[in-house]
Protein backbone atom coordinates (compact mmCIF):
# COMPACT_ATOMS: atom_id res chain seq x y z
CA UNK A 1 107.31 96.42 102.07
CA UNK A 2 109.55 97.14 105.17
CA UNK A 3 107.79 99.27 107.80
CA UNK A 4 110.80 101.62 106.96
CA UNK A 5 110.27 101.95 103.25
CA UNK A 6 106.05 102.03 104.15
CA UNK A 7 106.71 104.92 106.31
CA UNK A 8 108.95 106.98 104.22
CA UNK A 9 106.13 106.42 101.51
CA UNK A 10 103.60 107.92 103.75
CA UNK A 11 105.74 110.60 104.84
CA UNK A 12 106.15 111.31 100.99
CA UNK A 13 102.84 110.90 100.24
CA UNK A 14 102.20 113.16 103.07
CA UNK A 15 104.54 115.95 101.49
CA UNK A 16 102.59 115.32 98.04
CA UNK A 17 99.07 115.62 99.30
CA UNK A 18 99.76 118.69 101.02
CA UNK A 19 101.90 120.51 98.40
CA UNK A 20 99.91 123.78 96.70
CA UNK A 21 101.60 122.41 93.40
CA UNK A 22 99.65 119.21 93.66
CA UNK A 23 96.95 118.56 91.49
CA UNK A 24 93.78 117.23 92.49
CA UNK A 25 93.56 113.59 90.68
CA UNK A 26 96.99 113.00 92.37
CA UNK A 27 95.74 114.31 96.11
CA UNK A 28 92.81 112.04 95.48
CA UNK A 29 94.94 108.77 94.92
CA UNK A 30 97.21 109.77 97.89
CA UNK A 31 94.83 109.99 99.99
CA UNK A 32 93.21 107.07 98.80
CA UNK A 33 96.22 105.48 98.83
CA UNK A 34 96.68 106.45 102.64
CA UNK A 35 93.18 105.35 103.75
CA UNK A 36 93.64 101.95 102.10
CA UNK A 37 96.67 101.00 104.44
CA UNK A 38 96.22 97.51 105.95
CA UNK A 39 93.04 96.95 103.79
CA UNK A 40 92.66 94.57 101.09
CA UNK A 41 92.70 97.81 98.96
CA UNK A 42 96.15 98.60 99.54
CA UNK A 43 97.56 97.00 96.35
CA UNK A 44 95.19 98.31 94.36
CA UNK A 45 95.37 101.72 95.87
CA UNK A 46 99.01 101.54 95.35
CA UNK A 47 98.86 100.80 91.94
CA UNK A 48 96.40 103.62 90.77
CA UNK A 49 98.75 106.27 92.94
CA UNK A 50 101.64 104.94 90.93
CA UNK A 51 99.59 105.30 87.52
CA UNK A 52 98.39 108.66 88.72
CA UNK A 53 102.14 109.89 89.89
CA UNK A 54 103.47 108.69 86.46
CA UNK A 55 100.99 110.48 84.49
CA UNK A 56 101.61 114.07 86.47
CA UNK A 57 105.25 114.09 87.34
CA UNK A 58 106.28 116.70 85.09
CA UNK A 59 109.79 116.51 83.09
CA UNK A 60 112.29 119.10 83.48
CA UNK A 61 112.18 119.76 79.33
CA UNK A 62 108.50 119.82 79.99
CA UNK A 63 108.44 122.89 82.76
CA UNK A 64 110.86 124.57 80.49
CA UNK A 65 108.28 124.03 77.57
CA UNK A 66 105.33 124.86 79.67
CA UNK A 67 107.03 128.04 81.31
CA UNK A 68 108.34 129.33 77.88
CA UNK A 69 104.69 129.22 76.76
CA UNK A 70 101.79 131.85 76.57
CA UNK A 71 99.99 128.91 78.96
CA UNK A 72 102.99 129.23 81.72
CA UNK A 73 102.89 133.29 81.16
CA UNK A 74 98.88 133.00 82.35
CA UNK A 75 99.69 130.44 84.96
CA UNK A 76 102.99 131.96 86.77
CA UNK A 77 102.51 135.52 85.30
CA UNK A 78 104.88 136.77 82.19
CA UNK A 79 107.98 137.73 84.76
CA UNK A 80 107.67 134.51 87.15
CA UNK A 81 107.14 132.22 83.95
CA UNK A 82 110.52 133.83 82.70
CA UNK A 83 112.06 132.99 86.25
CA UNK A 84 110.54 129.26 86.04
CA UNK A 85 111.99 128.32 82.56
CA UNK A 86 115.38 129.71 83.19
CA UNK A 87 115.18 127.59 86.55
CA UNK A 88 114.06 124.83 84.57
CA UNK A 89 117.39 125.66 82.41
CA UNK A 90 119.55 125.38 85.63
CA UNK A 91 118.33 122.33 87.01
CA UNK A 92 118.82 120.60 83.81
CA UNK A 93 122.20 121.24 83.42
CA UNK A 94 122.86 120.01 86.88
CA UNK A 95 121.14 116.84 85.71
CA UNK A 96 117.57 117.06 86.80
CA UNK A 97 115.18 115.11 85.10
CA UNK A 98 112.10 116.24 86.30
CA UNK A 99 110.47 119.46 88.07
CA UNK A 100 111.52 120.37 91.49
CA UNK A 101 108.55 121.79 92.81
CA UNK A 102 107.22 120.34 95.93
CA UNK A 103 104.82 118.19 94.05
CA UNK A 104 107.27 116.73 91.66
CA UNK A 105 109.80 116.04 94.12
CA UNK A 106 107.46 114.11 96.02
CA UNK A 107 106.36 112.19 93.13
CA UNK A 108 110.06 111.10 91.99
CA UNK A 109 110.63 110.47 95.61
CA UNK A 110 107.27 107.82 95.61
CA UNK A 111 108.29 106.79 91.98
CA UNK A 112 111.80 105.55 93.01
CA UNK A 113 110.33 103.24 95.52
CA UNK A 114 107.56 102.21 92.85
CA UNK A 115 108.51 98.69 92.92
CA UNK A 116 108.14 98.37 97.06
CA UNK A 117 104.80 100.41 96.92
CA UNK A 118 103.20 97.95 93.95
CA UNK A 119 104.94 94.84 95.39
């Protein structure tokens, strides 16, 4: 991977792990990859990061479904859940494939460079 791509991925992983919407498993995978850069563990940690992000990224349909559920109402509050579901419908109509929260946006950006990341 060239340095420009590596710098971009480092930036996006930093965004991910510093996002309030990032789960602990993705934070851990991101931190482990960052810590492994330049070591013999880098490839292994890159693959683990990609695997974690592929499990964690939320599709726009998943966002809408969750926000429309009782669990979504518990997490967001009833009114905010309705807003999140409506937002999901709006971004879906605009062509979004994934949730656009900061963590999912970072996941999507990282996964777009998956081939370069895992070599």
